[in-house]
Amino acid sequence: MNRENVWSSYVAGIGLGLTLLATFYIVGWGLGASSAFSLLTGVGLDTLRPEFAHRLEYFAKDLNKEAPLMNWILFEVGGLFVGALVGSLMSGNFRIRFGKGAGMKNSTRMVTAFTGGVLIGFAGRLARGCTSGVALSGGAQLAVAGWVFVIAMFLSGFVAAAIFRRLWS
C-alpha cells in the first residue's frame, strides 16, 4: 500500500461525522447498511416465492411498498462501494489482493471470511442494526444501546483476535 496516498484518520473521521450529520438532517435518520442486504434478500425471496415472502412480517414491511428497490439505503450502500473504488483508484492503491496470514491457505481464508461475514450479518440483524447503524448513528444520539454495542464489539474483537491470531502467523 502506498502510504503517501492514505487519508489522515482525522480528516476521514471528520468527513464521516459530517456525512452522519447530513444524513440525520436530510433523510431524518443516520447511517446504516445491514438493512440493504435484508431488503435485497426480501426482494429475491419475493421473486422466487412471493406468497411466502409477503407472509413474513420481516420482509413484508418493505415488499408492500410500490418500488422497494428505490429505498435510499440501497443507494447509500452502492455509493459506499463506488466511493471506495474511486478513492482507491485515485490514490493509486487499488489492487486485487487476498489478505491473509503467511501460513494460511487461500481456502482457509475464504472459509473464515465467509463464516465471519455470515455471523456478523446475522448478528447485525439480530441486534437490529450493524456497526454503522447501532454504533455510529446510535452513539451519535447518545443511545445507551449504541455505547453498549461499541464496548461489547471491541471487547469481543480483542477476545476473538487472541483466539484466532494463530491463523495469521
C-alpha atoms as a PDB file:
ATOM      1  CA  MET A   1       0.000   0.000   0.000  1.00  0.00           C
ATOM      2  CA  ASN A   2       1.275   3.438  -0.897  1.00  0.00           C
ATOM      3  CA  ARG A   3       1.321   5.188   2.496  1.00  0.00           C
ATOM      4  CA  GLU A   4       1.707   8.629   0.872  1.00  0.00           C
ATOM      5  CA  ASN A   5      -1.797   8.374  -0.625  1.00  0.00           C
ATOM      6  CA  VAL A   6      -3.653   7.363   2.544  1.00  0.00           C
ATOM      7  CA  TRP A   7      -6.068   9.814   4.129  1.00  0.00           C
ATOM      8  CA  SER A   8      -5.404  11.141   7.587  1.00  0.00           C
ATOM      9  CA  SER A   9      -7.609   9.348  10.102  1.00  0.00           C
ATOM     10  CA  TYR A  10      -8.559  12.781  11.473  1.00  0.00           C
ATOM     11  CA  VAL A  11      -9.774  14.003   8.068  1.00  0.00           C
ATOM     12  CA  ALA A  12     -11.625  10.733   7.435  1.00  0.00           C
ATOM     13  CA  GLY A  13     -13.240  10.882  10.902  1.00  0.00           C
ATOM     14  CA  ILE A  14     -14.387  14.463  10.379  1.00  0.00           C
ATOM     15  CA  GLY A  15     -15.742  13.505   6.939  1.00  0.00           C
ATOM     16  CA  LEU A  16     -17.628  10.557   8.417  1.00  0.00           C
ATOM     17  CA  GLY A  17     -19.050  12.732  11.181  1.00  0.00           C
ATOM     18  CA  LEU A  18     -20.232  15.355   8.681  1.00  0.00           C
ATOM     19  CA  THR A  19     -21.750  12.637   6.489  1.00  0.00           C
ATOM     20  CA  LEU A  20     -23.603  11.242   9.511  1.00  0.00           C
ATOM     21  CA  LEU A  21     -24.842  14.719  10.423  1.00  0.00           C
ATOM     22  CA  ALA A  22     -26.013  15.265   6.831  1.00  0.00           C
ATOM     23  CA  THR A  23     -27.989  12.005   6.793  1.00  0.00           C
ATOM     24  CA  PHE A  24     -29.729  12.960  10.039  1.00  0.00           C
ATOM     25  CA  TYR A  25     -30.582  16.369   8.603  1.00  0.00           C
ATOM     26  CA  ILE A  26     -31.533  15.362   5.028  1.00  0.00           C
ATOM     27  CA  VAL A  27     -33.008  11.872   5.416  1.00  0.00           C
ATOM     28  CA  GLY A  28     -34.153  12.016   9.022  1.00  0.00           C
ATOM     29  CA  TRP A  29     -32.037   9.147  10.357  1.00  0.00           C
ATOM     30  CA  GLY A  30     -28.411   8.093  10.469  1.00  0.00           C
ATOM     31  CA  LEU A  31     -26.197   5.755   8.528  1.00  0.00           C
ATOM     32  CA  GLY A  32     -26.689   2.011   8.276  1.00  0.00           C
ATOM     33  CA  ALA A  33     -26.009  -0.824   5.884  1.00  0.00           C
ATOM     34  CA  SER A  34     -27.352  -4.173   7.047  1.00  0.00           C
ATOM     35  CA  SER A  35     -30.952  -3.385   6.144  1.00  0.00           C
ATOM     36  CA  ALA A  36     -29.892  -3.083   2.496  1.00  0.00           C
ATOM     37  CA  PHE A  37     -28.957  -6.756   2.474  1.00  0.00           C
ATOM     38  CA  SER A  38     -32.197  -7.704   4.224  1.00  0.00           C
ATOM     39  CA  LEU A  39     -34.114  -5.698   1.642  1.00  0.00           C
ATOM     40  CA  LEU A  40     -32.328  -7.414  -1.247  1.00  0.00           C
ATOM     41  CA  THR A  41     -32.960 -10.816   0.360  1.00  0.00           C
ATOM     42  CA  GLY A  42     -36.649  -9.981   0.687  1.00  0.00           C
ATOM     43  CA  VAL A  43     -36.879  -8.854  -2.945  1.00  0.00           C
ATOM     44  CA  GLY A  44     -35.077 -12.020  -4.045  1.00  0.00           C
ATOM     45  CA  LEU A  45     -37.427 -14.176  -1.987  1.00  0.00           C
ATOM     46  CA  ASP A  46     -40.380 -12.249  -3.418  1.00  0.00           C
ATOM     47  CA  THR A  47     -39.152 -13.116  -6.908  1.00  0.00           C
ATOM     48  CA  LEU A  48     -38.859 -16.825  -6.084  1.00  0.00           C
ATOM     49  CA  ARG A  49     -41.784 -17.321  -3.666  1.00  0.00           C
ATOM     50  CA  PRO A  50     -43.972 -14.190  -3.458  1.00  0.00           C
ATOM     51  CA  GLU A  51     -46.751 -15.826  -1.434  1.00  0.00           C
ATOM     52  CA  PHE A  52     -44.221 -16.890   1.213  1.00  0.00           C
ATOM     53  CA  ALA A  53     -42.294 -13.597   1.248  1.00  0.00           C
ATOM     54  CA  HIS A  54     -45.404 -11.488   1.851  1.00  0.00           C
ATOM     55  CA  ARG A  55     -46.470 -13.677   4.775  1.00  0.00           C
ATOM     56  CA  LEU A  56     -43.205 -12.954   6.603  1.00  0.00           C
ATOM     57  CA  GLU A  57     -43.635  -9.761   8.593  1.00  0.00           C
ATOM     58  CA  TYR A  58     -39.867  -9.145   8.482  1.00  0.00           C
ATOM     59  CA  PHE A  59     -39.873  -8.795   4.680  1.00  0.00           C
ATOM     60  CA  ALA A  60     -43.473  -7.699   4.089  1.00  0.00           C
ATOM     61  CA  LYS A  61     -42.866  -4.213   5.513  1.00  0.00           C
ATOM     62  CA  ASP A  62     -40.533  -3.467   2.579  1.00  0.00           C
ATOM     63  CA  LEU A  63     -42.243  -5.576  -0.081  1.00  0.00           C
ATOM     64  CA  ASN A  64     -45.625  -3.898   0.346  1.00  0.00           C
ATOM     65  CA  LYS A  65     -44.194  -0.642  -0.986  1.00  0.00           C
ATOM     66  CA  GLU A  66     -44.644   0.367  -4.616  1.00  0.00           C
ATOM     67  CA  ALA A  67     -40.927   0.311  -5.505  1.00  0.00           C
ATOM     68  CA  PRO A  68     -38.924  -1.454  -2.776  1.00  0.00           C
ATOM     69  CA  LEU A  69     -35.655  -1.144  -4.722  1.00  0.00           C
ATOM     70  CA  MET A  70     -35.908   2.664  -4.642  1.00  0.00           C
ATOM     71  CA  ASN A  71     -35.064   2.598  -0.925  1.00  0.00           C
ATOM     72  CA  TRP A  72     -32.353   5.131  -0.087  1.00  0.00           C
ATOM     73  CA  ILE A  73     -30.308   2.533   1.844  1.00  0.00           C
ATOM     74  CA  LEU A  74     -29.513   0.703  -1.410  1.00  0.00           C
ATOM     75  CA  PHE A  75     -28.143   3.924  -2.871  1.00  0.00           C
ATOM     76  CA  GLU A  76     -26.117   4.523   0.285  1.00  0.00           C
ATOM     77  CA  VAL A  77     -24.503   1.080   0.147  1.00  0.00           C
ATOM     78  CA  GLY A  78     -23.981   1.339  -3.619  1.00  0.00           C
ATOM     79  CA  GLY A  79     -22.345   4.729  -3.096  1.00  0.00           C
ATOM     80  CA  LEU A  80     -20.123   3.205  -0.440  1.00  0.00           C
ATOM     81  CA  PHE A  81     -18.760   0.663  -2.914  1.00  0.00           C
ATOM     82  CA  VAL A  82     -18.419   3.180  -5.757  1.00  0.00           C
ATOM     83  CA  GLY A  83     -16.776   5.752  -3.468  1.00  0.00           C
ATOM     84  CA  ALA A  84     -14.291   3.200  -2.135  1.00  0.00           C
ATOM     85  CA  LEU A  85     -13.421   2.099  -5.667  1.00  0.00           C
ATOM     86  CA  VAL A  86     -12.981   5.666  -6.929  1.00  0.00           C
ATOM     87  CA  GLY A  87     -10.913   6.591  -3.863  1.00  0.00           C
ATOM     88  CA  SER A  88      -8.598   3.605  -4.237  1.00  0.00           C
ATOM     89  CA  LEU A  89      -8.198   4.204  -7.981  1.00  0.00           C
ATOM     90  CA  MET A  90      -7.438   7.906  -7.473  1.00  0.00           C
ATOM     91  CA  SER A  91      -4.880   7.191  -4.754  1.00  0.00           C
ATOM     92  CA  GLY A  92      -3.144   4.504  -6.787  1.00  0.00           C
ATOM     93  CA  ASN A  93      -3.811   1.919  -4.068  1.00  0.00           C
ATOM     94  CA  PHE A  94      -6.238  -0.285  -5.999  1.00  0.00           C
ATOM     95  CA  ARG A  95      -5.072  -3.869  -6.297  1.00  0.00           C
ATOM     96  CA  ILE A  96      -6.917  -7.129  -6.239  1.00  0.00           C
ATOM     97  CA  ARG A  97      -5.401  -8.863  -3.244  1.00  0.00           C
ATOM     98  CA  PHE A  98      -6.192 -11.594  -0.828  1.00  0.00           C
ATOM     99  CA  GLY A  99      -5.207 -10.514   2.692  1.00  0.00           C
ATOM    100  CA  LYS A 100      -4.202 -13.476   4.816  1.00  0.00           C
ATOM    101  CA  GLY A 101      -1.515 -14.725   7.145  1.00  0.00           C
ATOM    102  CA  ALA A 102       1.679 -16.119   5.657  1.00  0.00           C
ATOM    103  CA  GLY A 103       0.859 -19.684   6.726  1.00  0.00           C
ATOM    104  CA  MET A 104      -2.828 -19.568   5.778  1.00  0.00           C
ATOM    105  CA  LYS A 105      -4.180 -21.303   2.689  1.00  0.00           C
ATOM    106  CA  ASN A 106      -6.493 -19.422   0.335  1.00  0.00           C
ATOM    107  CA  SER A 107      -9.267 -21.939   1.014  1.00  0.00           C
ATOM    108  CA  THR A 108      -8.975 -21.403   4.783  1.00  0.00           C
ATOM    109  CA  ARG A 109      -9.129 -17.640   4.280  1.00  0.00           C
ATOM    110  CA  MET A 110     -12.231 -17.957   2.087  1.00  0.00           C
ATOM    111  CA  VAL A 111     -13.991 -20.131   4.674  1.00  0.00           C
ATOM    112  CA  THR A 112     -13.081 -17.855   7.607  1.00  0.00           C
ATOM    113  CA  ALA A 113     -14.041 -14.704   5.686  1.00  0.00           C
ATOM    114  CA  PHE A 114     -17.376 -16.158   4.563  1.00  0.00           C
ATOM    115  CA  THR A 115     -18.159 -17.539   8.024  1.00  0.00           C
ATOM    116  CA  GLY A 116     -17.286 -14.245   9.694  1.00  0.00           C
ATOM    117  CA  GLY A 117     -19.399 -12.332   7.181  1.00  0.00           C
ATOM    118  CA  VAL A 118     -22.418 -14.548   7.756  1.00  0.00           C
ATOM    119  CA  LEU A 119     -22.034 -14.300  11.541  1.00  0.00           C
ATOM    120  CA  ILE A 120     -21.678 -10.507  11.563  1.00  0.00           C
ATOM    121  CA  GLY A 121     -24.587 -10.158   9.126  1.00  0.00           C
ATOM    122  CA  PHE A 122     -26.825 -12.341  11.271  1.00  0.00           C
ATOM    123  CA  ALA A 123     -25.722 -10.604  14.464  1.00  0.00           C
ATOM    124  CA  GLY A 124     -26.297  -7.200  12.898  1.00  0.00           C
ATOM    125  CA  ARG A 125     -29.886  -8.046  12.020  1.00  0.00           C
ATOM    126  CA  LEU A 126     -30.420  -9.704  15.409  1.00  0.00           C
ATOM    127  CA  ALA A 127     -29.174  -6.515  17.089  1.00  0.00           C
ATOM    128  CA  ARG A 128     -31.466  -4.512  14.771  1.00  0.00           C
ATOM    129  CA  GLY A 129     -28.530  -2.741  13.197  1.00  0.00           C
ATOM    130  CA  CYS A 130     -24.969  -3.119  12.028  1.00  0.00           C
ATOM    131  CA  THR A 131     -21.902  -1.328  13.353  1.00  0.00           C
ATOM    132  CA  SER A 132     -22.704   1.791  11.355  1.00  0.00           C
ATOM    133  CA  GLY A 133     -26.351   1.793  12.367  1.00  0.00           C
ATOM    134  CA  VAL A 134     -26.004   0.949  16.046  1.00  0.00           C
ATOM    135  CA  ALA A 135     -22.543   2.278  16.860  1.00  0.00           C
ATOM    136  CA  LEU A 136     -22.290   5.397  14.703  1.00  0.00           C
ATOM    137  CA  SER A 137     -25.889   6.520  14.500  1.00  0.00           C
ATOM    138  CA  GLY A 138     -26.878   5.264  17.948  1.00  0.00           C
ATOM    139  CA  GLY A 139     -23.708   6.566  19.564  1.00  0.00           C
ATOM    140  CA  ALA A 140     -24.177   9.968  17.922  1.00  0.00           C
ATOM    141  CA  GLN A 141     -27.628  10.145  19.524  1.00  0.00           C
ATOM    142  CA  LEU A 142     -26.097   9.099  22.871  1.00  0.00           C
ATOM    143  CA  ALA A 143     -28.280   5.991  22.880  1.00  0.00           C
ATOM    144  CA  VAL A 144     -27.248   3.567  25.607  1.00  0.00           C
ATOM    145  CA  ALA A 145     -27.589   0.653  23.153  1.00  0.00           C
ATOM    146  CA  GLY A 146     -25.056   2.280  20.823  1.00  0.00           C
ATOM    147  CA  TRP A 147     -22.452   2.664  23.537  1.00  0.00           C
ATOM    148  CA  VAL A 148     -23.057  -0.808  24.975  1.00  0.00           C
ATOM    149  CA  PHE A 149     -22.692  -2.202  21.458  1.00  0.00           C
ATOM    150  CA  VAL A 150     -19.386  -0.401  20.843  1.00  0.00           C
ATOM    151  CA  ILE A 151     -17.919  -1.608  24.135  1.00  0.00           C
ATOM    152  CA  ALA A 152     -19.101  -5.187  23.512  1.00  0.00           C
ATOM    153  CA  MET A 153     -17.815  -5.056  19.925  1.00  0.00           C
ATOM    154  CA  PHE A 154     -14.326  -4.003  20.979  1.00  0.00           C
ATOM    155  CA  LEU A 155     -14.151  -6.479  23.871  1.00  0.00           C
ATOM    156  CA  SER A 156     -15.311  -9.375  21.695  1.00  0.00           C
ATOM    157  CA  GLY A 157     -12.897  -8.254  18.974  1.00  0.00           C
ATOM    158  CA  PHE A 158      -9.970  -8.420  21.399  1.00  0.00           C
ATOM    159  CA  VAL A 159     -11.028 -11.872  22.593  1.00  0.00           C
ATOM    160  CA  ALA A 160     -11.553 -13.172  19.044  1.00  0.00           C
ATOM    161  CA  ALA A 161      -8.202 -11.718  17.947  1.00  0.00           C
ATOM    162  CA  ALA A 162      -6.437 -13.523  20.775  1.00  0.00           C
ATOM    163  CA  ILE A 163      -8.141 -16.814  19.869  1.00  0.00           C
ATOM    164  CA  PHE A 164      -7.665 -16.629  16.090  1.00  0.00           C
ATOM    165  CA  ARG A 165      -4.283 -14.893  15.955  1.00  0.00           C
ATOM    166  CA  ARG A 166      -2.557 -18.226  15.237  1.00  0.00           C
ATOM    167  CA  LEU A 167      -4.306 -18.358  11.848  1.00  0.00           C
ATOM    168  CA  TRP A 168      -2.422 -15.220  10.786  1.00  0.00           C
ATOM    169  CA  SER A 169       1.085 -16.299  11.765  1.00  0.00           C
END
